[in-house]
Amino acid sequence: MVQPSIPADVPDVTPDSLGDDIYLLDVREQDEWDAGHAPHAHHIPMYEIPQRLAEVPTVGEVVVVCRVGGRSAQVAAYLAAQGWENVANLDGGMLSWERSGRAVVADTGLPPRVL
C-alpha cells in the first residue's frame, strides 16, 4: 500500500467525540486484535485494505483505529485518496480509546489489553 501524506480533509477525532453509530475500522495486526479491541469494531489489517475495499462503507461515519494513530492515519488517507469522503482517524488510537474509559474486549477468554 502506498503511504500517502494525510490530506487536510481527513480529520482526527477523539474517543469522547464519537457516537455509537460509527463504523470503527481496526487496522491492527491479528495478534493486536486478539489481545483487545473495541466492541463492534470491524477488523481489516492495514495491508489487506486494498484487497478488501468493498467491505468499507461509503456512507456513514468510518473511523479508522490502530494502536496509537499512525497506521490508521495512513489508511484514512488511502481511503480518502480512493474517494471515501466519510473517513476520520482516531487520534491516539486504541491507547486513547482505553484511556478514555471506552470498553475493550478480547475474544480469547483472557483479560483484554491493548498491544
PDB file of N, CA and C in Angstrom:
ATOM      1  N   MET A   1       0.848  -1.175   0.000  1.00  0.00           N
ATOM      2  CA  MET A   1       0.000   0.000   0.000  1.00  0.00           C
ATOM      3  C   MET A   1       0.894   1.237   0.000  1.00  0.00           C
ATOM      4  N   VAL A   2       0.600   2.174  -0.860  1.00  0.00           N
ATOM      5  CA  VAL A   2       1.320   3.435  -0.911  1.00  0.00           C
ATOM      6  C   VAL A   2       1.007   4.214   0.352  1.00  0.00           C
ATOM      7  N   GLN A   3       1.988   4.893   0.913  1.00  0.00           N
ATOM      8  CA  GLN A   3       1.785   5.653   2.135  1.00  0.00           C
ATOM      9  C   GLN A   3       1.659   7.139   1.788  1.00  0.00           C
ATOM     10  N   PRO A   4       0.441   7.584   1.459  1.00  0.00           N
ATOM     11  CA  PRO A   4       0.268   8.989   1.095  1.00  0.00           C
ATOM     12  C   PRO A   4       0.350   9.877   2.317  1.00  0.00           C
ATOM     13  N   SER A   5       0.635  11.150   2.074  1.00  0.00           N
ATOM     14  CA  SER A   5       0.555  12.090   3.181  1.00  0.00           C
ATOM     15  C   SER A   5      -0.910  12.267   3.553  1.00  0.00           C
ATOM     16  N   ILE A   6      -1.152  12.677   4.766  1.00  0.00           N
ATOM     17  CA  ILE A   6      -2.522  12.803   5.250  1.00  0.00           C
ATOM     18  C   ILE A   6      -3.131  14.074   4.685  1.00  0.00           C
ATOM     19  N   PRO A   7      -4.202  13.943   3.885  1.00  0.00           N
ATOM     20  CA  PRO A   7      -4.839  15.147   3.368  1.00  0.00           C
ATOM     21  C   PRO A   7      -5.460  15.957   4.497  1.00  0.00           C
ATOM     22  N   ALA A   8      -5.499  17.256   4.307  1.00  0.00           N
ATOM     23  CA  ALA A   8      -6.047  18.146   5.330  1.00  0.00           C
ATOM     24  C   ALA A   8      -7.506  17.837   5.623  1.00  0.00           C
ATOM     25  N   ASP A   9      -8.210  17.224   4.674  1.00  0.00           N
ATOM     26  CA  ASP A   9      -9.628  16.968   4.878  1.00  0.00           C
ATOM     27  C   ASP A   9      -9.915  15.635   5.575  1.00  0.00           C
ATOM     28  N   VAL A  10      -8.878  14.917   6.035  1.00  0.00           N
ATOM     29  CA  VAL A  10      -9.089  13.707   6.836  1.00  0.00           C
ATOM     30  C   VAL A  10      -8.931  14.118   8.296  1.00  0.00           C
ATOM     31  N   PRO A  11     -10.049  14.274   8.986  1.00  0.00           N
ATOM     32  CA  PRO A  11      -9.968  14.781  10.361  1.00  0.00           C
ATOM     33  C   PRO A  11      -9.497  13.728  11.362  1.00  0.00           C
ATOM     34  N   ASP A  12      -8.916  14.214  12.440  1.00  0.00           N
ATOM     35  CA  ASP A  12      -8.650  13.382  13.604  1.00  0.00           C
ATOM     36  C   ASP A  12      -9.817  13.579  14.560  1.00  0.00           C
ATOM     37  N   VAL A  13     -10.282  12.491  15.158  1.00  0.00           N
ATOM     38  CA  VAL A  13     -11.361  12.566  16.134  1.00  0.00           C
ATOM     39  C   VAL A  13     -10.882  11.911  17.427  1.00  0.00           C
ATOM     40  N   THR A  14     -11.512  12.255  18.521  1.00  0.00           N
ATOM     41  CA  THR A  14     -11.167  11.670  19.814  1.00  0.00           C
ATOM     42  C   THR A  14     -12.241  10.675  20.217  1.00  0.00           C
ATOM     43  N   PRO A  15     -11.900   9.740  21.082  1.00  0.00           N
ATOM     44  CA  PRO A  15     -12.912   8.767  21.522  1.00  0.00           C
ATOM     45  C   PRO A  15     -14.142   9.435  22.134  1.00  0.00           C
ATOM     46  N   ASP A  16     -13.939  10.525  22.867  1.00  0.00           N
ATOM     47  CA  ASP A  16     -15.059  11.194  23.526  1.00  0.00           C
ATOM     48  C   ASP A  16     -16.025  11.839  22.544  1.00  0.00           C
ATOM     49  N   SER A  17     -15.567  12.099  21.318  1.00  0.00           N
ATOM     50  CA  SER A  17     -16.418  12.768  20.332  1.00  0.00           C
ATOM     51  C   SER A  17     -17.247  11.797  19.507  1.00  0.00           C
ATOM     52  N   LEU A  18     -17.078  10.505  19.721  1.00  0.00           N
ATOM     53  CA  LEU A  18     -17.718   9.503  18.866  1.00  0.00           C
ATOM     54  C   LEU A  18     -19.053   9.039  19.414  1.00  0.00           C
ATOM     55  N   GLY A  19     -20.004   8.900  18.515  1.00  0.00           N
ATOM     56  CA  GLY A  19     -21.285   8.305  18.863  1.00  0.00           C
ATOM     57  C   GLY A  19     -21.211   6.795  18.721  1.00  0.00           C
ATOM     58  N   ASP A  20     -22.307   6.143  19.031  1.00  0.00           N
ATOM     59  CA  ASP A  20     -22.350   4.687  18.953  1.00  0.00           C
ATOM     60  C   ASP A  20     -22.638   4.178  17.542  1.00  0.00           C
ATOM     61  N   ASP A  21     -22.961   5.081  16.618  1.00  0.00           N
ATOM     62  CA  ASP A  21     -23.369   4.659  15.284  1.00  0.00           C
ATOM     63  C   ASP A  21     -22.241   4.694  14.256  1.00  0.00           C
ATOM     64  N   ILE A  22     -20.984   4.814  14.714  1.00  0.00           N
ATOM     65  CA  ILE A  22     -19.863   4.850  13.781  1.00  0.00           C
ATOM     66  C   ILE A  22     -19.501   3.442  13.322  1.00  0.00           C
ATOM     67  N   TYR A  23     -18.809   3.356  12.212  1.00  0.00           N
ATOM     68  CA  TYR A  23     -18.191   2.127  11.743  1.00  0.00           C
ATOM     69  C   TYR A  23     -16.730   2.252  12.140  1.00  0.00           C
ATOM     70  N   LEU A  24     -16.323   1.524  13.167  1.00  0.00           N
ATOM     71  CA  LEU A  24     -14.956   1.595  13.669  1.00  0.00           C
ATOM     72  C   LEU A  24     -14.135   0.527  12.958  1.00  0.00           C
ATOM     73  N   LEU A  25     -13.177   0.968  12.162  1.00  0.00           N
ATOM     74  CA  LEU A  25     -12.345   0.081  11.360  1.00  0.00           C
ATOM     75  C   LEU A  25     -10.983  -0.069  12.024  1.00  0.00           C
ATOM     76  N   ASP A  26     -10.719  -1.236  12.589  1.00  0.00           N
ATOM     77  CA  ASP A  26      -9.473  -1.530  13.290  1.00  0.00           C
ATOM     78  C   ASP A  26      -8.503  -2.144  12.282  1.00  0.00           C
ATOM     79  N   VAL A  27      -7.365  -1.477  12.062  1.00  0.00           N
ATOM     80  CA  VAL A  27      -6.420  -1.915  11.038  1.00  0.00           C
ATOM     81  C   VAL A  27      -5.156  -2.547  11.635  1.00  0.00           C
ATOM     82  N   ARG A  28      -5.212  -2.922  12.902  1.00  0.00           N
ATOM     83  CA  ARG A  28      -4.057  -3.542  13.549  1.00  0.00           C
ATOM     84  C   ARG A  28      -3.887  -4.990  13.092  1.00  0.00           C
ATOM     85  N   GLU A  29      -2.760  -5.572  13.458  1.00  0.00           N
ATOM     86  CA  GLU A  29      -2.473  -6.957  13.113  1.00  0.00           C
ATOM     87  C   GLU A  29      -3.339  -7.907  13.955  1.00  0.00           C
ATOM     88  N   GLN A  30      -3.420  -9.155  13.524  1.00  0.00           N
ATOM     89  CA  GLN A  30      -4.291 -10.135  14.168  1.00  0.00           C
ATOM     90  C   GLN A  30      -3.979 -10.298  15.654  1.00  0.00           C
ATOM     91  N   ASP A  31      -2.704 -10.348  16.041  1.00  0.00           N
ATOM     92  CA  ASP A  31      -2.380 -10.543  17.458  1.00  0.00           C
ATOM     93  C   ASP A  31      -2.817  -9.355  18.305  1.00  0.00           C
ATOM     94  N   GLU A  32      -2.738  -8.156  17.741  1.00  0.00           N
ATOM     95  CA  GLU A  32      -3.199  -6.967  18.458  1.00  0.00           C
ATOM     96  C   GLU A  32      -4.712  -7.012  18.640  1.00  0.00           C
ATOM     97  N   TRP A  33      -5.422  -7.374  17.584  1.00  0.00           N
ATOM     98  CA  TRP A  33      -6.878  -7.516  17.627  1.00  0.00           C
ATOM     99  C   TRP A  33      -7.282  -8.554  18.666  1.00  0.00           C
ATOM    100  N   ASP A  34      -6.628  -9.725  18.618  1.00  0.00           N
ATOM    101  CA  ASP A  34      -6.963 -10.811  19.536  1.00  0.00           C
ATOM    102  C   ASP A  34      -6.782 -10.398  20.993  1.00  0.00           C
ATOM    103  N   ALA A  35      -5.749  -9.610  21.281  1.00  0.00           N
ATOM    104  CA  ALA A  35      -5.467  -9.198  22.663  1.00  0.00           C
ATOM    105  C   ALA A  35      -6.541  -8.267  23.212  1.00  0.00           C
ATOM    106  N   GLY A  36      -7.094  -7.403  22.356  1.00  0.00           N
ATOM    107  CA  GLY A  36      -8.145  -6.495  22.811  1.00  0.00           C
ATOM    108  C   GLY A  36      -8.530  -5.512  21.736  1.00  0.00           C
ATOM    109  N   HIS A  37      -9.834  -5.321  21.596  1.00  0.00           N
ATOM    110  CA  HIS A  37     -10.358  -4.391  20.596  1.00  0.00           C
ATOM    111  C   HIS A  37     -11.664  -3.780  21.096  1.00  0.00           C
ATOM    112  N   ALA A  38     -12.090  -2.756  20.407  1.00  0.00           N
ATOM    113  CA  ALA A  38     -13.356  -2.109  20.757  1.00  0.00           C
ATOM    114  C   ALA A  38     -14.515  -3.028  20.386  1.00  0.00           C
ATOM    115  N   PRO A  39     -15.548  -3.079  21.228  1.00  0.00           N
ATOM    116  CA  PRO A  39     -16.722  -3.862  20.863  1.00  0.00           C
ATOM    117  C   PRO A  39     -17.310  -3.319  19.558  1.00  0.00           C
ATOM    118  N   HIS A  40     -17.789  -4.181  18.737  1.00  0.00           N
ATOM    119  CA  HIS A  40     -18.453  -3.828  17.479  1.00  0.00           C
ATOM    120  C   HIS A  40     -17.503  -3.241  16.438  1.00  0.00           C
ATOM    121  N   ALA A  41     -16.190  -3.271  16.695  1.00  0.00           N
ATOM    122  CA  ALA A  41     -15.231  -2.820  15.689  1.00  0.00           C
ATOM    123  C   ALA A  41     -15.169  -3.854  14.567  1.00  0.00           C
ATOM    124  N   HIS A  42     -14.705  -3.420  13.424  1.00  0.00           N
ATOM    125  CA  HIS A  42     -14.537  -4.285  12.259  1.00  0.00           C
ATOM    126  C   HIS A  42     -13.046  -4.388  11.988  1.00  0.00           C
ATOM    127  N   HIS A  43     -12.553  -5.614  11.819  1.00  0.00           N
ATOM    128  CA  HIS A  43     -11.113  -5.828  11.709  1.00  0.00           C
ATOM    129  C   HIS A  43     -10.711  -6.114  10.267  1.00  0.00           C
ATOM    130  N   ILE A  44      -9.898  -5.229   9.713  1.00  0.00           N
ATOM    131  CA  ILE A  44      -9.225  -5.460   8.439  1.00  0.00           C
ATOM    132  C   ILE A  44      -7.795  -4.961   8.630  1.00  0.00           C
ATOM    133  N   PRO A  45      -6.822  -5.868   8.727  1.00  0.00           N
ATOM    134  CA  PRO A  45      -5.443  -5.419   8.899  1.00  0.00           C
ATOM    135  C   PRO A  45      -5.023  -4.453   7.782  1.00  0.00           C
ATOM    136  N   MET A  46      -4.157  -3.532   8.138  1.00  0.00           N
ATOM    137  CA  MET A  46      -3.740  -2.455   7.238  1.00  0.00           C
ATOM    138  C   MET A  46      -3.398  -2.940   5.834  1.00  0.00           C
ATOM    139  N   TYR A  47      -2.580  -3.960   5.737  1.00  0.00           N
ATOM    140  CA  TYR A  47      -2.099  -4.388   4.432  1.00  0.00           C
ATOM    141  C   TYR A  47      -3.129  -5.197   3.640  1.00  0.00           C
ATOM    142  N   GLU A  48      -4.286  -5.468   4.227  1.00  0.00           N
ATOM    143  CA  GLU A  48      -5.369  -6.120   3.494  1.00  0.00           C
ATOM    144  C   GLU A  48      -6.379  -5.114   2.949  1.00  0.00           C
ATOM    145  N   ILE A  49      -6.253  -3.857   3.335  1.00  0.00           N
ATOM    146  CA  ILE A  49      -7.222  -2.835   2.920  1.00  0.00           C
ATOM    147  C   ILE A  49      -7.388  -2.770   1.398  1.00  0.00           C
ATOM    148  N   PRO A  50      -6.307  -2.708   0.602  1.00  0.00           N
ATOM    149  CA  PRO A  50      -6.515  -2.584  -0.846  1.00  0.00           C
ATOM    150  C   PRO A  50      -7.348  -3.725  -1.439  1.00  0.00           C
ATOM    151  N   GLN A  51      -7.190  -4.931  -0.927  1.00  0.00           N
ATOM    152  CA  GLN A  51      -7.943  -6.073  -1.441  1.00  0.00           C
ATOM    153  C   GLN A  51      -9.361  -6.155  -0.879  1.00  0.00           C
ATOM    154  N   ARG A  52      -9.616  -5.447   0.211  1.00  0.00           N
ATOM    155  CA  ARG A  52     -10.911  -5.571   0.892  1.00  0.00           C
ATOM    156  C   ARG A  52     -11.678  -4.251   0.941  1.00  0.00           C
ATOM    157  N   LEU A  53     -11.388  -3.348  -0.003  1.00  0.00           N
ATOM    158  CA  LEU A  53     -12.048  -2.036  -0.033  1.00  0.00           C
ATOM    159  C   LEU A  53     -13.565  -2.135  -0.027  1.00  0.00           C
ATOM    160  N   ALA A  54     -14.110  -3.140  -0.679  1.00  0.00           N
ATOM    161  CA  ALA A  54     -15.568  -3.278  -0.779  1.00  0.00           C
ATOM    162  C   ALA A  54     -16.220  -3.459   0.589  1.00  0.00           C
ATOM    163  N   GLU A  55     -15.457  -3.853   1.597  1.00  0.00           N
ATOM    164  CA  GLU A  55     -16.004  -4.049   2.940  1.00  0.00           C
ATOM    165  C   GLU A  55     -16.128  -2.747   3.725  1.00  0.00           C
ATOM    166  N   VAL A  56     -15.507  -1.683   3.240  1.00  0.00           N
ATOM    167  CA  VAL A  56     -15.517  -0.407   3.955  1.00  0.00           C
ATOM    168  C   VAL A  56     -16.685   0.432   3.450  1.00  0.00           C
ATOM    169  N   PRO A  57     -17.605   0.809   4.328  1.00  0.00           N
ATOM    170  CA  PRO A  57     -18.787   1.567   3.893  1.00  0.00           C
ATOM    171  C   PRO A  57     -18.421   2.922   3.284  1.00  0.00           C
ATOM    172  N   THR A  58     -19.192   3.307   2.306  1.00  0.00           N
ATOM    173  CA  THR A  58     -19.005   4.619   1.684  1.00  0.00           C
ATOM    174  C   THR A  58     -19.999   5.635   2.222  1.00  0.00           C
ATOM    175  N   VAL A  59     -20.931   5.195   3.049  1.00  0.00           N
ATOM    176  CA  VAL A  59     -21.878   6.101   3.709  1.00  0.00           C
ATOM    177  C   VAL A  59     -21.794   5.872   5.210  1.00  0.00           C
ATOM    178  N   GLY A  60     -22.128   6.883   5.974  1.00  0.00           N
ATOM    179  CA  GLY A  60     -21.996   6.814   7.425  1.00  0.00           C
ATOM    180  C   GLY A  60     -20.557   7.111   7.808  1.00  0.00           C
ATOM    181  N   GLU A  61     -20.342   7.398   9.072  1.00  0.00           N
ATOM    182  CA  GLU A  61     -19.011   7.775   9.537  1.00  0.00           C
ATOM    183  C   GLU A  61     -18.130   6.539   9.733  1.00  0.00           C
ATOM    184  N   VAL A  62     -16.964   6.543   9.099  1.00  0.00           N
ATOM    185  CA  VAL A  62     -15.965   5.493   9.257  1.00  0.00           C
ATOM    186  C   VAL A  62     -14.793   6.089  10.024  1.00  0.00           C
ATOM    187  N   VAL A  63     -14.477   5.514  11.174  1.00  0.00           N
ATOM    188  CA  VAL A  63     -13.343   5.961  11.976  1.00  0.00           C
ATOM    189  C   VAL A  63     -12.325   4.828  11.981  1.00  0.00           C
ATOM    190  N   VAL A  64     -11.102   5.143  11.559  1.00  0.00           N
ATOM    191  CA  VAL A  64     -10.037   4.159  11.450  1.00  0.00           C
ATOM    192  C   VAL A  64      -9.172   4.230  12.706  1.00  0.00           C
ATOM    193  N   VAL A  65      -8.828   3.054  13.255  1.00  0.00           N
ATOM    194  CA  VAL A  65      -8.071   2.994  14.505  1.00  0.00           C
ATOM    195  C   VAL A  65      -6.952   1.964  14.399  1.00  0.00           C
ATOM    196  N   CYS A  66      -5.835   2.282  15.053  1.00  0.00           N
ATOM    197  CA  CYS A  66      -4.742   1.331  15.244  1.00  0.00           C
ATOM    198  C   CYS A  66      -4.301   1.466  16.708  1.00  0.00           C
ATOM    199  N   ARG A  67      -3.063   1.225  17.015  1.00  0.00           N
ATOM    200  CA  ARG A  67      -2.618   1.311  18.414  1.00  0.00           C
ATOM    201  C   ARG A  67      -2.496   2.754  18.883  1.00  0.00           C
ATOM    202  N   VAL A  68      -1.781   3.598  18.105  1.00  0.00           N
ATOM    203  CA  VAL A  68      -1.557   4.981  18.532  1.00  0.00           C
ATOM    204  C   VAL A  68      -2.008   6.021  17.511  1.00  0.00           C
ATOM    205  N   GLY A  69      -2.385   5.611  16.319  1.00  0.00           N
ATOM    206  CA  GLY A  69      -2.906   6.556  15.329  1.00  0.00           C
ATOM    207  C   GLY A  69      -2.085   6.727  14.070  1.00  0.00           C
ATOM    208  N   GLY A  70      -0.898   6.155  13.994  1.00  0.00           N
ATOM    209  CA  GLY A  70      -0.063   6.306  12.811  1.00  0.00           C
ATOM    210  C   GLY A  70      -0.531   5.485  11.628  1.00  0.00           C
ATOM    211  N   ARG A  71      -0.716   4.190  11.831  1.00  0.00           N
ATOM    212  CA  ARG A  71      -1.184   3.326  10.738  1.00  0.00           C
ATOM    213  C   ARG A  71      -2.586   3.715  10.312  1.00  0.00           C
ATOM    214  N   SER A  72      -3.422   4.026  11.288  1.00  0.00           N
ATOM    215  CA  SER A  72      -4.799   4.389  10.940  1.00  0.00           C
ATOM    216  C   SER A  72      -4.843   5.691  10.156  1.00  0.00           C
ATOM    217  N   ALA A  73      -3.942   6.621  10.431  1.00  0.00           N
ATOM    218  CA  ALA A  73      -3.885   7.864   9.648  1.00  0.00           C
ATOM    219  C   ALA A  73      -3.517   7.554   8.205  1.00  0.00           C
ATOM    220  N   GLN A  74      -2.599   6.620   8.003  1.00  0.00           N
ATOM    221  CA  GLN A  74      -2.219   6.226   6.647  1.00  0.00           C
ATOM    222  C   GLN A  74      -3.394   5.583   5.920  1.00  0.00           C
ATOM    223  N   VAL A  75      -4.122   4.711   6.610  1.00  0.00           N
ATOM    224  CA  VAL A  75      -5.276   4.051   5.987  1.00  0.00           C
ATOM    225  C   VAL A  75      -6.375   5.064   5.690  1.00  0.00           C
ATOM    226  N   ALA A  76      -6.632   5.978   6.613  1.00  0.00           N
ATOM    227  CA  ALA A  76      -7.654   7.012   6.369  1.00  0.00           C
ATOM    228  C   ALA A  76      -7.281   7.844   5.147  1.00  0.00           C
ATOM    229  N   ALA A  77      -5.996   8.198   5.022  1.00  0.00           N
ATOM    230  CA  ALA A  77      -5.540   8.962   3.865  1.00  0.00           C
ATOM    231  C   ALA A  77      -5.683   8.146   2.586  1.00  0.00           C
ATOM    232  N   TYR A  78      -5.368   6.876   2.653  1.00  0.00           N
ATOM    233  CA  TYR A  78      -5.515   5.990   1.496  1.00  0.00           C
ATOM    234  C   TYR A  78      -6.978   5.912   1.064  1.00  0.00           C
ATOM    235  N   LEU A  79      -7.867   5.713   2.034  1.00  0.00           N
ATOM    236  CA  LEU A  79      -9.296   5.648   1.707  1.00  0.00           C
ATOM    237  C   LEU A  79      -9.777   6.959   1.096  1.00  0.00           C
ATOM    238  N   ALA A  80      -9.341   8.080   1.658  1.00  0.00           N
ATOM    239  CA  ALA A  80      -9.724   9.383   1.109  1.00  0.00           C
ATOM    240  C   ALA A  80      -9.224   9.525  -0.320  1.00  0.00           C
ATOM    241  N   ALA A  81      -8.014   9.056  -0.589  1.00  0.00           N
ATOM    242  CA  ALA A  81      -7.452   9.127  -1.941  1.00  0.00           C
ATOM    243  C   ALA A  81      -8.219   8.226  -2.911  1.00  0.00           C
ATOM    244  N   GLN A  82      -8.884   7.192  -2.377  1.00  0.00           N
ATOM    245  CA  GLN A  82      -9.684   6.295  -3.210  1.00  0.00           C
ATOM    246  C   GLN A  82     -11.118   6.796  -3.379  1.00  0.00           C
ATOM    247  N   GLY A  83     -11.447   7.935  -2.774  1.00  0.00           N
ATOM    248  CA  GLY A  83     -12.769   8.522  -2.955  1.00  0.00           C
ATOM    249  C   GLY A  83     -13.679   8.504  -1.747  1.00  0.00           C
ATOM    250  N   TRP A  84     -13.240   7.910  -0.647  1.00  0.00           N
ATOM    251  CA  TRP A  84     -14.062   7.909   0.563  1.00  0.00           C
ATOM    252  C   TRP A  84     -14.069   9.323   1.141  1.00  0.00           C
ATOM    253  N   GLU A  85     -15.237   9.843   1.384  1.00  0.00           N
ATOM    254  CA  GLU A  85     -15.369  11.191   1.956  1.00  0.00           C
ATOM    255  C   GLU A  85     -15.845  11.148   3.395  1.00  0.00           C
ATOM    256  N   ASN A  86     -15.997   9.954   3.938  1.00  0.00           N
ATOM    257  CA  ASN A  86     -16.609   9.765   5.250  1.00  0.00           C
ATOM    258  C   ASN A  86     -15.643   9.177   6.274  1.00  0.00           C
ATOM    259  N   VAL A  87     -14.320   9.391   6.103  1.00  0.00           N
ATOM    260  CA  VAL A  87     -13.354   8.765   6.996  1.00  0.00           C
ATOM    261  C   VAL A  87     -12.698   9.780   7.925  1.00  0.00           C
ATOM    262  N   ALA A  88     -12.337   9.289   9.100  1.00  0.00           N
ATOM    263  CA  ALA A  88     -11.587  10.064  10.082  1.00  0.00           C
ATOM    264  C   ALA A  88     -10.610   9.118  10.756  1.00  0.00           C
ATOM    265  N   ASN A  89      -9.597   9.684  11.365  1.00  0.00           N
ATOM    266  CA  ASN A  89      -8.591   8.928  12.094  1.00  0.00           C
ATOM    267  C   ASN A  89      -8.838   9.103  13.592  1.00  0.00           C
ATOM    268  N   LEU A  90      -8.759   8.007  14.346  1.00  0.00           N
ATOM    269  CA  LEU A  90      -8.906   8.106  15.797  1.00  0.00           C
ATOM    270  C   LEU A  90      -7.581   8.555  16.395  1.00  0.00           C
ATOM    271  N   ASP A  91      -7.543   9.783  16.859  1.00  0.00           N
ATOM    272  CA  ASP A  91      -6.347  10.383  17.436  1.00  0.00           C
ATOM    273  C   ASP A  91      -5.934   9.605  18.688  1.00  0.00           C
ATOM    274  N   GLY A  92      -4.706   9.114  18.703  1.00  0.00           N
ATOM    275  CA  GLY A  92      -4.220   8.362  19.863  1.00  0.00           C
ATOM    276  C   GLY A  92      -4.551   6.891  19.824  1.00  0.00           C
ATOM    277  N   GLY A  93      -5.313   6.452  18.834  1.00  0.00           N
ATOM    278  CA  GLY A  93      -5.596   5.041  18.631  1.00  0.00           C
ATOM    279  C   GLY A  93      -6.285   4.341  19.792  1.00  0.00           C
ATOM    280  N   MET A  94      -6.053   3.034  19.854  1.00  0.00           N
ATOM    281  CA  MET A  94      -6.677   2.231  20.909  1.00  0.00           C
ATOM    282  C   MET A  94      -6.168   2.610  22.294  1.00  0.00           C
ATOM    283  N   LEU A  95      -4.968   3.149  22.373  1.00  0.00           N
ATOM    284  CA  LEU A  95      -4.485   3.594  23.685  1.00  0.00           C
ATOM    285  C   LEU A  95      -5.347   4.731  24.209  1.00  0.00           C
ATOM    286  N   SER A  96      -5.712   5.684  23.349  1.00  0.00           N
ATOM    287  CA  SER A  96      -6.588   6.773  23.807  1.00  0.00           C
ATOM    288  C   SER A  96      -8.008   6.269  24.023  1.00  0.00           C
ATOM    289  N   TRP A  97      -8.445   5.312  23.229  1.00  0.00           N
ATOM    290  CA  TRP A  97      -9.762   4.691  23.416  1.00  0.00           C
ATOM    291  C   TRP A  97      -9.856   4.115  24.832  1.00  0.00           C
ATOM    292  N   GLU A  98      -8.845   3.329  25.188  1.00  0.00           N
ATOM    293  CA  GLU A  98      -8.828   2.692  26.508  1.00  0.00           C
ATOM    294  C   GLU A  98      -8.711   3.731  27.627  1.00  0.00           C
ATOM    295  N   ARG A  99      -7.815   4.715  27.461  1.00  0.00           N
ATOM    296  CA  ARG A  99      -7.637   5.763  28.481  1.00  0.00           C
ATOM    297  C   ARG A  99      -8.907   6.564  28.708  1.00  0.00           C
ATOM    298  N   SER A 100      -9.732   6.695  27.672  1.00  0.00           N
ATOM    299  CA  SER A 100     -10.961   7.481  27.810  1.00  0.00           C
ATOM    300  C   SER A 100     -12.071   6.699  28.515  1.00  0.00           C
ATOM    301  N   GLY A 101     -11.800   5.447  28.853  1.00  0.00           N
ATOM    302  CA  GLY A 101     -12.783   4.647  29.571  1.00  0.00           C
ATOM    303  C   GLY A 101     -13.707   3.849  28.672  1.00  0.00           C
ATOM    304  N   ARG A 102     -13.441   3.856  27.380  1.00  0.00           N
ATOM    305  CA  ARG A 102     -14.258   3.060  26.453  1.00  0.00           C
ATOM    306  C   ARG A 102     -13.934   1.582  26.636  1.00  0.00           C
ATOM    307  N   ALA A 103     -14.910   0.744  26.364  1.00  0.00           N
ATOM    308  CA  ALA A 103     -14.762  -0.698  26.567  1.00  0.00           C
ATOM    309  C   ALA A 103     -13.754  -1.302  25.599  1.00  0.00           C
ATOM    310  N   VAL A 104     -13.026  -2.286  26.104  1.00  0.00           N
ATOM    311  CA  VAL A 104     -12.119  -3.097  25.299  1.00  0.00           C
ATOM    312  C   VAL A 104     -12.471  -4.546  25.606  1.00  0.00           C
ATOM    313  N   VAL A 105     -12.608  -5.351  24.563  1.00  0.00           N
ATOM    314  CA  VAL A 105     -12.964  -6.757  24.724  1.00  0.00           C
ATOM    315  C   VAL A 105     -11.922  -7.628  24.033  1.00  0.00           C
ATOM    316  N   ALA A 106     -11.857  -8.883  24.442  1.00  0.00           N
ATOM    317  CA  ALA A 106     -10.968  -9.866  23.802  1.00  0.00           C
ATOM    318  C   ALA A 106     -11.781 -11.106  23.501  1.00  0.00           C
ATOM    319  N   ASP A 107     -11.465 -11.739  22.413  1.00  0.00           N
ATOM    320  CA  ASP A 107     -12.170 -12.954  22.017  1.00  0.00           C
ATOM    321  C   ASP A 107     -11.460 -14.209  22.513  1.00  0.00           C
ATOM    322  N   THR A 108     -10.386 -14.051  23.267  1.00  0.00           N
ATOM    323  CA  THR A 108      -9.551 -15.172  23.678  1.00  0.00           C
ATOM    324  C   THR A 108      -9.941 -15.771  25.019  1.00  0.00           C
ATOM    325  N   GLY A 109     -10.795 -15.085  25.778  1.00  0.00           N
ATOM    326  CA  GLY A 109     -11.106 -15.525  27.129  1.00  0.00           C
ATOM    327  C   GLY A 109     -10.166 -14.940  28.164  1.00  0.00           C
ATOM    328  N   LEU A 110      -9.087 -14.312  27.718  1.00  0.00           N
ATOM    329  CA  LEU A 110      -8.152 -13.639  28.612  1.00  0.00           C
ATOM    330  C   LEU A 110      -8.606 -12.211  28.845  1.00  0.00           C
ATOM    331  N   PRO A 111      -8.113 -11.561  29.905  1.00  0.00           N
ATOM    332  CA  PRO A 111      -8.471 -10.153  30.104  1.00  0.00           C
ATOM    333  C   PRO A 111      -8.000  -9.329  28.896  1.00  0.00           C
ATOM    334  N   PRO A 112      -8.828  -8.411  28.410  1.00  0.00           N
ATOM    335  CA  PRO A 112      -8.439  -7.622  27.248  1.00  0.00           C
ATOM    336  C   PRO A 112      -7.318  -6.642  27.588  1.00  0.00           C
ATOM    337  N   ARG A 113      -6.466  -6.421  26.596  1.00  0.00           N
ATOM    338  CA  ARG A 113      -5.404  -5.431  26.739  1.00  0.00           C
ATOM    339  C   ARG A 113      -5.054  -4.903  25.361  1.00  0.00           C
ATOM    340  N   VAL A 114      -4.545  -3.706  25.328  1.00  0.00           N
ATOM    341  CA  VAL A 114      -4.156  -3.082  24.074  1.00  0.00           C
ATOM    342  C   VAL A 114      -2.676  -3.315  23.859  1.00  0.00           C
ATOM    343  N   LEU A 115      -2.360  -3.969  22.752  1.00  0.00           N
ATOM    344  CA  LEU A 115      -0.949  -4.196  22.382  1.00  0.00           C
ATOM    345  C   LEU A 115      -0.497  -3.088  21.459  1.00  0.00           C
TER     346      LEU A 115
END
